[in-house]
Amino acid sequence: MEPIHANYEITPSDYRKASYYGLFLRQRRPLRFLVVVLILGTLYLAMGLLGLATINPLLFLVLTVFLVWGQLLLTGTERGVKNYLKSPDCLVGCPHEADLQEEVFRIRIPSRGIDARINPRELACAFELSTLFLLYVTAKDVYLLPVRSLTETQRGQLRAFLRKTLQDRFGTRF
């Protein structure tokens, strides 16, 4: 991989996308179950309204509980995003510098005195979204690299390097 240098700023939209992706990554099975229950419940209600099935009042309670639970998950994530954006430790909007090489990924945030050096082979995992690369050092520590700061060639090189280095710990749809 050719060395990649990128200067960028994380926007609130970038941070929000990463937060929701993290939510769906951590809650994958329960959210799939939620969607299946809501679809089946809606179909059952539709059949009941068409006279093809007897509507059970307990179904309304179950669907309401699942809807409230899903709403609480989304609201909690949004509240977390807003609290982070208001916090004095917020890195959104700060200039970032990234130097990515095969031996070390270096991410600097000069305005905050942060100079992180990460061995790419020691990343917990990485994901490529349509607008971001998410580089997880641990399950809670993640560095965001917006795709807009890379050329198409650099993006392809980084994707190929992460795929080769992390193997099944790298996820992409490209």
N, C-alpha and C. Protein backbone atom coordinates (compact mmCIF):
# COMPACT_ATOMS: atom_id res chain seq x y z
N MET A 1 0.85 -1.18 0.00
CA MET A 1 0.00 0.00 0.00
C MET A 1 0.89 1.24 0.00
N GLU A 2 0.58 2.15 -0.88
CA GLU A 2 1.27 3.45 -0.90
C GLU A 2 0.86 4.24 0.33
N PRO A 3 1.77 5.00 0.93
CA PRO A 3 1.38 5.82 2.09
C PRO A 3 0.25 6.78 1.72
N ILE A 4 -0.69 6.93 2.63
CA ILE A 4 -1.85 7.80 2.42
C ILE A 4 -1.80 8.90 3.47
N HIS A 5 -1.91 10.14 3.02
CA HIS A 5 -2.00 11.28 3.93
C HIS A 5 -3.34 11.95 3.68
N ALA A 6 -4.06 12.24 4.76
CA ALA A 6 -5.37 12.87 4.63
C ALA A 6 -5.56 13.91 5.73
N ASN A 7 -6.08 15.07 5.35
CA ASN A 7 -6.48 16.10 6.30
C ASN A 7 -7.99 16.21 6.22
N TYR A 8 -8.64 16.23 7.37
CA TYR A 8 -10.10 16.26 7.37
C TYR A 8 -10.64 16.73 8.71
N GLU A 9 -11.92 16.98 8.73
CA GLU A 9 -12.66 17.27 9.96
C GLU A 9 -13.85 16.34 10.01
N ILE A 10 -14.14 15.84 11.19
CA ILE A 10 -15.32 15.00 11.39
C ILE A 10 -16.51 15.93 11.55
N THR A 11 -17.57 15.68 10.81
CA THR A 11 -18.78 16.48 10.92
C THR A 11 -19.77 15.80 11.87
N PRO A 12 -20.74 16.54 12.37
CA PRO A 12 -21.77 15.90 13.19
C PRO A 12 -22.46 14.75 12.46
N SER A 13 -22.66 14.90 11.17
CA SER A 13 -23.29 13.84 10.38
C SER A 13 -22.41 12.58 10.37
N ASP A 14 -21.10 12.75 10.24
CA ASP A 14 -20.18 11.60 10.28
C ASP A 14 -20.29 10.89 11.62
N TYR A 15 -20.27 11.66 12.69
CA TYR A 15 -20.33 11.07 14.02
C TYR A 15 -21.66 10.36 14.24
N ARG A 16 -22.74 10.95 13.77
CA ARG A 16 -24.07 10.35 13.93
C ARG A 16 -24.14 9.02 13.17
N LYS A 17 -23.63 8.99 11.94
CA LYS A 17 -23.62 7.74 11.16
C LYS A 17 -22.83 6.65 11.87
N ALA A 18 -21.67 7.01 12.40
CA ALA A 18 -20.84 6.03 13.10
C ALA A 18 -21.55 5.53 14.36
N SER A 19 -22.24 6.42 15.06
CA SER A 19 -22.96 6.02 16.28
C SER A 19 -24.09 5.06 15.97
N TYR A 20 -24.87 5.36 14.94
CA TYR A 20 -25.97 4.46 14.60
C TYR A 20 -25.46 3.14 14.03
N TYR A 21 -24.36 3.18 13.28
CA TYR A 21 -23.78 1.94 12.79
C TYR A 21 -23.33 1.08 13.97
N GLY A 22 -22.71 1.73 14.97
CA GLY A 22 -22.30 1.01 16.17
C GLY A 22 -23.48 0.40 16.90
N LEU A 23 -24.59 1.14 16.97
CA LEU A 23 -25.81 0.61 17.60
C LEU A 23 -26.28 -0.64 16.87
N PHE A 24 -26.40 -0.56 15.56
CA PHE A 24 -26.89 -1.70 14.80
C PHE A 24 -25.90 -2.86 14.81
N LEU A 25 -24.62 -2.56 14.95
CA LEU A 25 -23.61 -3.61 15.05
C LEU A 25 -23.72 -4.34 16.38
N ARG A 26 -23.87 -3.58 17.47
CA ARG A 26 -23.95 -4.19 18.81
C ARG A 26 -25.29 -4.88 19.06
N GLN A 27 -26.36 -4.37 18.49
CA GLN A 27 -27.71 -4.89 18.75
C GLN A 27 -28.27 -5.62 17.54
N ARG A 28 -27.43 -6.24 16.75
CA ARG A 28 -27.85 -6.85 15.49
C ARG A 28 -28.97 -7.89 15.68
N ARG A 29 -28.77 -8.86 16.54
CA ARG A 29 -29.77 -9.92 16.71
C ARG A 29 -31.07 -9.39 17.29
N PRO A 30 -31.02 -8.61 18.39
CA PRO A 30 -32.29 -8.10 18.93
C PRO A 30 -33.05 -7.21 17.93
N LEU A 31 -32.32 -6.43 17.14
CA LEU A 31 -33.01 -5.57 16.17
C LEU A 31 -33.61 -6.40 15.02
N ARG A 32 -32.95 -7.46 14.64
CA ARG A 32 -33.53 -8.35 13.62
C ARG A 32 -34.81 -8.99 14.16
N PHE A 33 -34.75 -9.42 15.42
CA PHE A 33 -35.93 -10.00 16.06
C PHE A 33 -37.05 -8.97 16.12
N LEU A 34 -36.71 -7.72 16.46
CA LEU A 34 -37.69 -6.64 16.50
C LEU A 34 -38.38 -6.47 15.15
N VAL A 35 -37.62 -6.44 14.09
CA VAL A 35 -38.19 -6.26 12.75
C VAL A 35 -39.09 -7.43 12.38
N VAL A 36 -38.66 -8.65 12.67
CA VAL A 36 -39.48 -9.83 12.36
C VAL A 36 -40.79 -9.79 13.13
N VAL A 37 -40.73 -9.47 14.43
CA VAL A 37 -41.95 -9.41 15.25
C VAL A 37 -42.89 -8.33 14.73
N LEU A 38 -42.34 -7.17 14.38
CA LEU A 38 -43.20 -6.09 13.88
C LEU A 38 -43.84 -6.44 12.54
N ILE A 39 -43.10 -7.09 11.67
CA ILE A 39 -43.66 -7.50 10.37
C ILE A 39 -44.75 -8.55 10.56
N LEU A 40 -44.45 -9.57 11.36
CA LEU A 40 -45.44 -10.63 11.59
C LEU A 40 -46.67 -10.07 12.31
N GLY A 41 -46.45 -9.20 13.28
CA GLY A 41 -47.57 -8.59 14.00
C GLY A 41 -48.44 -7.75 13.09
N THR A 42 -47.81 -7.00 12.21
CA THR A 42 -48.57 -6.17 11.26
C THR A 42 -49.36 -7.04 10.30
N LEU A 43 -48.75 -8.13 9.81
CA LEU A 43 -49.47 -9.04 8.92
C LEU A 43 -50.66 -9.68 9.65
N TYR A 44 -50.44 -10.07 10.90
CA TYR A 44 -51.53 -10.67 11.69
C TYR A 44 -52.67 -9.68 11.90
N LEU A 45 -52.32 -8.43 12.19
CA LEU A 45 -53.35 -7.40 12.36
C LEU A 45 -54.11 -7.16 11.05
N ALA A 46 -53.38 -7.14 9.95
CA ALA A 46 -54.03 -6.95 8.65
C ALA A 46 -54.97 -8.12 8.35
N MET A 47 -54.55 -9.34 8.66
CA MET A 47 -55.42 -10.50 8.45
C MET A 47 -56.65 -10.42 9.35
N GLY A 48 -56.46 -9.92 10.57
CA GLY A 48 -57.59 -9.77 11.49
C GLY A 48 -58.59 -8.74 10.98
N LEU A 49 -58.08 -7.64 10.44
CA LEU A 49 -58.97 -6.60 9.92
C LEU A 49 -59.71 -7.07 8.67
N LEU A 50 -59.11 -7.98 7.92
CA LEU A 50 -59.75 -8.54 6.73
C LEU A 50 -60.67 -9.71 7.08
N GLY A 51 -60.70 -10.09 8.34
CA GLY A 51 -61.57 -11.18 8.77
C GLY A 51 -60.98 -12.56 8.57
N LEU A 52 -59.70 -12.65 8.28
CA LEU A 52 -59.05 -13.94 8.05
C LEU A 52 -58.52 -14.56 9.34
N ALA A 53 -58.45 -13.77 10.43
CA ALA A 53 -57.94 -14.27 11.71
C ALA A 53 -58.64 -13.51 12.83
N THR A 54 -58.65 -14.11 13.99
CA THR A 54 -59.21 -13.46 15.17
C THR A 54 -58.11 -12.64 15.83
N ILE A 55 -58.38 -11.36 16.08
CA ILE A 55 -57.37 -10.49 16.68
C ILE A 55 -57.31 -10.73 18.18
N ASN A 56 -56.12 -10.99 18.66
CA ASN A 56 -55.88 -11.20 20.08
C ASN A 56 -55.40 -9.88 20.68
N PRO A 57 -56.07 -9.36 21.73
CA PRO A 57 -55.66 -8.08 22.33
C PRO A 57 -54.24 -8.08 22.88
N LEU A 58 -53.74 -9.26 23.23
CA LEU A 58 -52.38 -9.35 23.73
C LEU A 58 -51.37 -8.95 22.66
N LEU A 59 -51.74 -9.15 21.40
CA LEU A 59 -50.86 -8.78 20.30
C LEU A 59 -50.57 -7.28 20.31
N PHE A 60 -51.56 -6.46 20.62
CA PHE A 60 -51.35 -5.02 20.68
C PHE A 60 -50.33 -4.66 21.76
N LEU A 61 -50.41 -5.34 22.88
CA LEU A 61 -49.47 -5.10 23.97
C LEU A 61 -48.05 -5.48 23.55
N VAL A 62 -47.90 -6.64 22.93
CA VAL A 62 -46.58 -7.10 22.50
C VAL A 62 -45.99 -6.15 21.46
N LEU A 63 -46.78 -5.76 20.49
CA LEU A 63 -46.29 -4.84 19.46
C LEU A 63 -45.93 -3.48 20.06
N THR A 64 -46.72 -3.01 21.00
CA THR A 64 -46.43 -1.73 21.65
C THR A 64 -45.12 -1.80 22.43
N VAL A 65 -44.91 -2.90 23.15
CA VAL A 65 -43.67 -3.07 23.91
C VAL A 65 -42.47 -3.05 22.97
N PHE A 66 -42.56 -3.77 21.85
CA PHE A 66 -41.44 -3.80 20.91
C PHE A 66 -41.22 -2.44 20.26
N LEU A 67 -42.28 -1.74 19.93
CA LEU A 67 -42.13 -0.40 19.35
C LEU A 67 -41.47 0.55 20.35
N VAL A 68 -41.88 0.50 21.59
CA VAL A 68 -41.31 1.37 22.61
C VAL A 68 -39.83 1.02 22.82
N TRP A 69 -39.51 -0.27 22.88
CA TRP A 69 -38.13 -0.69 23.06
C TRP A 69 -37.25 -0.19 21.90
N GLY A 70 -37.71 -0.34 20.67
CA GLY A 70 -36.96 0.15 19.51
C GLY A 70 -36.77 1.65 19.56
N GLN A 71 -37.84 2.36 19.94
CA GLN A 71 -37.75 3.81 20.05
C GLN A 71 -36.76 4.23 21.14
N LEU A 72 -36.73 3.50 22.25
CA LEU A 72 -35.79 3.81 23.33
C LEU A 72 -34.34 3.61 22.87
N LEU A 73 -34.09 2.57 22.09
CA LEU A 73 -32.74 2.35 21.56
C LEU A 73 -32.30 3.52 20.68
N LEU A 74 -33.18 3.91 19.77
CA LEU A 74 -32.84 5.01 18.85
C LEU A 74 -32.71 6.33 19.59
N THR A 75 -33.60 6.57 20.54
CA THR A 75 -33.56 7.82 21.30
C THR A 75 -32.30 7.88 22.17
N GLY A 76 -31.92 6.76 22.76
CA GLY A 76 -30.70 6.72 23.57
C GLY A 76 -29.47 7.03 22.74
N THR A 77 -29.43 6.50 21.54
CA THR A 77 -28.29 6.77 20.66
C THR A 77 -28.26 8.24 20.27
N GLU A 78 -29.40 8.79 19.91
CA GLU A 78 -29.46 10.21 19.53
C GLU A 78 -29.09 11.11 20.70
N ARG A 79 -29.55 10.75 21.89
CA ARG A 79 -29.19 11.54 23.08
C ARG A 79 -27.68 11.47 23.32
N GLY A 80 -27.09 10.30 23.14
CA GLY A 80 -25.64 10.15 23.27
C GLY A 80 -24.88 11.01 22.28
N VAL A 81 -25.38 11.08 21.04
CA VAL A 81 -24.75 11.92 20.01
C VAL A 81 -24.82 13.39 20.43
N LYS A 82 -26.00 13.82 20.83
CA LYS A 82 -26.16 15.24 21.21
C LYS A 82 -25.33 15.59 22.43
N ASN A 83 -25.27 14.71 23.41
CA ASN A 83 -24.44 14.97 24.60
C ASN A 83 -22.96 15.05 24.24
N TYR A 84 -22.51 14.17 23.35
CA TYR A 84 -21.11 14.21 22.93
C TYR A 84 -20.81 15.50 22.18
N LEU A 85 -21.71 15.91 21.30
CA LEU A 85 -21.47 17.13 20.52
C LEU A 85 -21.40 18.37 21.41
N LYS A 86 -22.06 18.32 22.58
CA LYS A 86 -22.04 19.45 23.51
C LYS A 86 -20.88 19.38 24.50
N SER A 87 -20.22 18.22 24.59
CA SER A 87 -19.18 18.04 25.62
C SER A 87 -17.91 18.81 25.23
N PRO A 88 -17.13 19.23 26.22
CA PRO A 88 -15.87 19.94 25.93
C PRO A 88 -14.81 19.03 25.31
N ASP A 89 -14.96 17.72 25.44
CA ASP A 89 -13.99 16.78 24.86
C ASP A 89 -14.34 16.38 23.43
N CYS A 90 -15.35 17.00 22.86
CA CYS A 90 -15.82 16.64 21.51
C CYS A 90 -14.73 16.91 20.47
N LEU A 91 -14.47 15.92 19.63
CA LEU A 91 -13.48 16.04 18.56
C LEU A 91 -14.11 16.36 17.21
N VAL A 92 -15.42 16.50 17.19
CA VAL A 92 -16.12 16.84 15.94
C VAL A 92 -15.79 18.30 15.62
N GLY A 93 -15.38 18.54 14.38
CA GLY A 93 -15.04 19.89 13.95
C GLY A 93 -13.58 20.24 14.13
N CYS A 94 -12.82 19.39 14.82
CA CYS A 94 -11.37 19.63 14.99
C CYS A 94 -10.63 19.11 13.77
N PRO A 95 -9.61 19.82 13.32
CA PRO A 95 -8.81 19.31 12.19
C PRO A 95 -8.07 18.02 12.58
N HIS A 96 -8.17 17.03 11.73
CA HIS A 96 -7.49 15.75 11.92
C HIS A 96 -6.47 15.59 10.79
N GLU A 97 -5.39 14.90 11.10
CA GLU A 97 -4.40 14.52 10.10
C GLU A 97 -4.17 13.02 10.22
N ALA A 98 -4.25 12.33 9.12
CA ALA A 98 -4.03 10.88 9.14
C ALA A 98 -2.91 10.52 8.18
N ASP A 99 -1.97 9.75 8.67
CA ASP A 99 -0.91 9.18 7.84
C ASP A 99 -1.03 7.67 7.97
N LEU A 100 -1.41 7.03 6.87
CA LEU A 100 -1.66 5.59 6.90
C LEU A 100 -0.59 4.88 6.08
N GLN A 101 0.14 4.02 6.76
CA GLN A 101 1.17 3.21 6.11
C GLN A 101 0.97 1.77 6.55
N GLU A 102 1.63 0.85 5.88
CA GLU A 102 1.45 -0.56 6.21
C GLU A 102 1.89 -0.89 7.63
N GLU A 103 2.90 -0.19 8.14
CA GLU A 103 3.44 -0.49 9.46
C GLU A 103 2.66 0.20 10.58
N VAL A 104 2.16 1.40 10.32
CA VAL A 104 1.52 2.17 11.38
C VAL A 104 0.49 3.14 10.79
N PHE A 105 -0.64 3.23 11.48
CA PHE A 105 -1.62 4.26 11.18
C PHE A 105 -1.41 5.35 12.23
N ARG A 106 -1.16 6.56 11.79
CA ARG A 106 -0.95 7.67 12.71
C ARG A 106 -2.06 8.68 12.50
N ILE A 107 -2.77 8.97 13.57
CA ILE A 107 -3.86 9.94 13.51
C ILE A 107 -3.57 11.03 14.53
N ARG A 108 -3.49 12.27 14.04
CA ARG A 108 -3.19 13.41 14.90
C ARG A 108 -4.35 14.39 14.91
N ILE A 109 -4.57 14.94 16.09
CA ILE A 109 -5.54 16.03 16.25
C ILE A 109 -4.78 17.12 17.00
N PRO A 110 -4.06 17.97 16.25
CA PRO A 110 -3.15 18.94 16.87
C PRO A 110 -3.83 19.87 17.88
N SER A 111 -5.05 20.27 17.63
CA SER A 111 -5.72 21.21 18.54
C SER A 111 -6.00 20.60 19.91
N ARG A 112 -5.99 19.28 20.01
CA ARG A 112 -6.24 18.59 21.28
C ARG A 112 -5.01 17.86 21.80
N GLY A 113 -3.90 17.96 21.07
CA GLY A 113 -2.67 17.30 21.51
C GLY A 113 -2.72 15.79 21.41
N ILE A 114 -3.53 15.27 20.51
CA ILE A 114 -3.66 13.82 20.35
C ILE A 114 -2.77 13.37 19.19
N ASP A 115 -1.96 12.37 19.45
CA ASP A 115 -1.09 11.78 18.43
C ASP A 115 -1.11 10.27 18.64
N ALA A 116 -2.02 9.60 17.97
CA ALA A 116 -2.21 8.16 18.15
C ALA A 116 -1.47 7.40 17.04
N ARG A 117 -0.75 6.38 17.46
CA ARG A 117 -0.08 5.48 16.52
C ARG A 117 -0.65 4.09 16.75
N ILE A 118 -1.16 3.52 15.67
CA ILE A 118 -1.84 2.24 15.77
C ILE A 118 -1.22 1.28 14.76
N ASN A 119 -0.89 0.10 15.24
CA ASN A 119 -0.45 -0.95 14.33
C ASN A 119 -1.71 -1.49 13.66
N PRO A 120 -1.83 -1.39 12.35
CA PRO A 120 -3.07 -1.82 11.69
C PRO A 120 -3.41 -3.29 11.92
N ARG A 121 -2.41 -4.12 12.17
CA ARG A 121 -2.67 -5.54 12.42
C ARG A 121 -3.32 -5.76 13.79
N GLU A 122 -3.22 -4.77 14.67
CA GLU A 122 -3.79 -4.88 16.01
C GLU A 122 -5.16 -4.23 16.14
N LEU A 123 -5.70 -3.75 15.03
CA LEU A 123 -7.06 -3.20 15.07
C LEU A 123 -8.04 -4.32 15.45
N ALA A 124 -9.01 -3.98 16.29
CA ALA A 124 -10.03 -4.97 16.65
C ALA A 124 -10.84 -5.34 15.43
N CYS A 125 -11.21 -4.33 14.65
CA CYS A 125 -11.94 -4.55 13.39
C CYS A 125 -12.01 -3.22 12.65
N ALA A 126 -12.48 -3.26 11.44
CA ALA A 126 -12.65 -2.06 10.64
C ALA A 126 -13.83 -2.27 9.70
N PHE A 127 -14.51 -1.17 9.39
CA PHE A 127 -15.66 -1.23 8.49
C PHE A 127 -15.57 -0.08 7.50
N GLU A 128 -16.01 -0.34 6.30
CA GLU A 128 -16.11 0.71 5.30
C GLU A 128 -17.59 0.95 5.02
N LEU A 129 -18.03 2.16 5.30
CA LEU A 129 -19.38 2.58 4.96
C LEU A 129 -19.29 3.41 3.68
N SER A 130 -20.40 3.86 3.18
CA SER A 130 -20.36 4.64 1.94
C SER A 130 -19.62 5.96 2.12
N THR A 131 -19.60 6.51 3.34
CA THR A 131 -18.97 7.81 3.57
C THR A 131 -17.84 7.78 4.58
N LEU A 132 -17.60 6.65 5.24
CA LEU A 132 -16.62 6.58 6.32
C LEU A 132 -15.89 5.25 6.37
N PHE A 133 -14.66 5.31 6.85
CA PHE A 133 -13.98 4.11 7.33
C PHE A 133 -14.03 4.20 8.85
N LEU A 134 -14.43 3.13 9.51
CA LEU A 134 -14.44 3.06 10.96
C LEU A 134 -13.31 2.13 11.37
N LEU A 135 -12.32 2.66 12.08
CA LEU A 135 -11.16 1.88 12.51
C LEU A 135 -11.26 1.67 14.01
N TYR A 136 -11.70 0.49 14.41
CA TYR A 136 -11.90 0.17 15.83
C TYR A 136 -10.60 -0.34 16.45
N VAL A 137 -10.08 0.41 17.42
CA VAL A 137 -8.91 -0.02 18.17
C VAL A 137 -9.37 -1.02 19.23
N THR A 138 -10.46 -0.70 19.91
CA THR A 138 -11.14 -1.61 20.84
C THR A 138 -12.62 -1.52 20.51
N ALA A 139 -13.44 -2.23 21.26
CA ALA A 139 -14.88 -2.19 21.00
C ALA A 139 -15.47 -0.80 21.22
N LYS A 140 -14.81 0.03 22.04
CA LYS A 140 -15.33 1.36 22.32
C LYS A 140 -14.52 2.48 21.69
N ASP A 141 -13.27 2.23 21.34
CA ASP A 141 -12.42 3.26 20.76
C ASP A 141 -12.38 3.11 19.24
N VAL A 142 -12.86 4.15 18.57
CA VAL A 142 -12.94 4.09 17.11
C VAL A 142 -12.42 5.40 16.53
N TYR A 143 -11.69 5.29 15.43
CA TYR A 143 -11.26 6.46 14.68
C TYR A 143 -12.06 6.49 13.38
N LEU A 144 -12.53 7.66 13.03
CA LEU A 144 -13.32 7.83 11.82
C LEU A 144 -12.44 8.46 10.74
N LEU A 145 -12.53 7.93 9.54
CA LEU A 145 -11.81 8.47 8.40
C LEU A 145 -12.82 8.68 7.27
N PRO A 146 -13.21 9.93 7.03
CA PRO A 146 -14.19 10.18 5.97
C PRO A 146 -13.64 9.84 4.59
N VAL A 147 -14.46 9.23 3.79
CA VAL A 147 -14.07 8.85 2.43
C VAL A 147 -13.80 10.10 1.59
N ARG A 148 -14.47 11.21 1.90
CA ARG A 148 -14.29 12.44 1.13
C ARG A 148 -12.86 12.97 1.19
N SER A 149 -12.07 12.52 2.19
CA SER A 149 -10.69 12.98 2.32
C SER A 149 -9.72 12.12 1.51
N LEU A 150 -10.23 11.09 0.84
CA LEU A 150 -9.40 10.18 0.07
C LEU A 150 -9.75 10.24 -1.40
N THR A 151 -8.77 9.97 -2.25
CA THR A 151 -9.06 9.81 -3.67
C THR A 151 -9.61 8.40 -3.88
N GLU A 152 -10.18 8.13 -5.01
CA GLU A 152 -10.70 6.79 -5.29
C GLU A 152 -9.58 5.75 -5.24
N THR A 153 -8.40 6.12 -5.73
CA THR A 153 -7.26 5.19 -5.70
C THR A 153 -6.86 4.89 -4.26
N GLN A 154 -6.79 5.93 -3.42
CA GLN A 154 -6.43 5.72 -2.02
C GLN A 154 -7.48 4.88 -1.31
N ARG A 155 -8.73 5.14 -1.62
CA ARG A 155 -9.82 4.37 -1.00
C ARG A 155 -9.69 2.89 -1.36
N GLY A 156 -9.43 2.61 -2.63
CA GLY A 156 -9.26 1.22 -3.07
C GLY A 156 -8.05 0.56 -2.43
N GLN A 157 -6.94 1.31 -2.31
CA GLN A 157 -5.74 0.77 -1.67
C GLN A 157 -5.99 0.46 -0.20
N LEU A 158 -6.65 1.38 0.50
CA LEU A 158 -6.94 1.17 1.92
C LEU A 158 -7.87 -0.02 2.11
N ARG A 159 -8.89 -0.12 1.27
CA ARG A 159 -9.83 -1.25 1.34
C ARG A 159 -9.09 -2.57 1.14
N ALA A 160 -8.24 -2.62 0.11
CA ALA A 160 -7.50 -3.86 -0.18
C ALA A 160 -6.54 -4.20 0.97
N PHE A 161 -5.87 -3.19 1.52
CA PHE A 161 -4.94 -3.42 2.62
C PHE A 161 -5.68 -3.94 3.85
N LEU A 162 -6.80 -3.30 4.21
CA LEU A 162 -7.55 -3.74 5.39
C LEU A 162 -8.12 -5.15 5.18
N ARG A 163 -8.59 -5.43 3.97
CA ARG A 163 -9.13 -6.76 3.67
C ARG A 163 -8.05 -7.83 3.83
N LYS A 164 -6.85 -7.52 3.32
CA LYS A 164 -5.74 -8.48 3.40
C LYS A 164 -5.23 -8.62 4.84
N THR A 165 -5.12 -7.51 5.55
CA THR A 165 -4.54 -7.50 6.89
C THR A 165 -5.50 -8.03 7.95
N LEU A 166 -6.74 -7.57 7.92
CA LEU A 166 -7.70 -7.93 8.97
C LEU A 166 -8.55 -9.14 8.61
N GLN A 167 -8.62 -9.48 7.35
CA GLN A 167 -9.40 -10.61 6.83
C GLN A 167 -10.85 -10.53 7.29
N ASP A 168 -11.31 -11.43 8.16
CA ASP A 168 -12.72 -11.45 8.53
C ASP A 168 -13.08 -10.37 9.57
N ARG A 169 -12.08 -9.60 10.02
CA ARG A 169 -12.37 -8.48 10.93
C ARG A 169 -12.61 -7.19 10.17
N PHE A 170 -12.64 -7.26 8.85
CA PHE A 170 -12.93 -6.09 8.01
C PHE A 170 -14.23 -6.31 7.26
N GLY A 171 -15.11 -5.34 7.35
CA GLY A 171 -16.39 -5.45 6.67
C GLY A 171 -16.59 -4.31 5.69
N THR A 172 -17.03 -4.65 4.50
CA THR A 172 -17.31 -3.65 3.47
C THR A 172 -18.39 -4.20 2.55
N ARG A 173 -19.06 -3.29 1.88
CA ARG A 173 -20.03 -3.70 0.86
C ARG A 173 -19.57 -3.29 -0.52
N PHE A 174 -18.31 -2.92 -0.61
CA PHE A 174 -17.77 -2.45 -1.90
C PHE A 174 -16.74 -3.41 -2.42
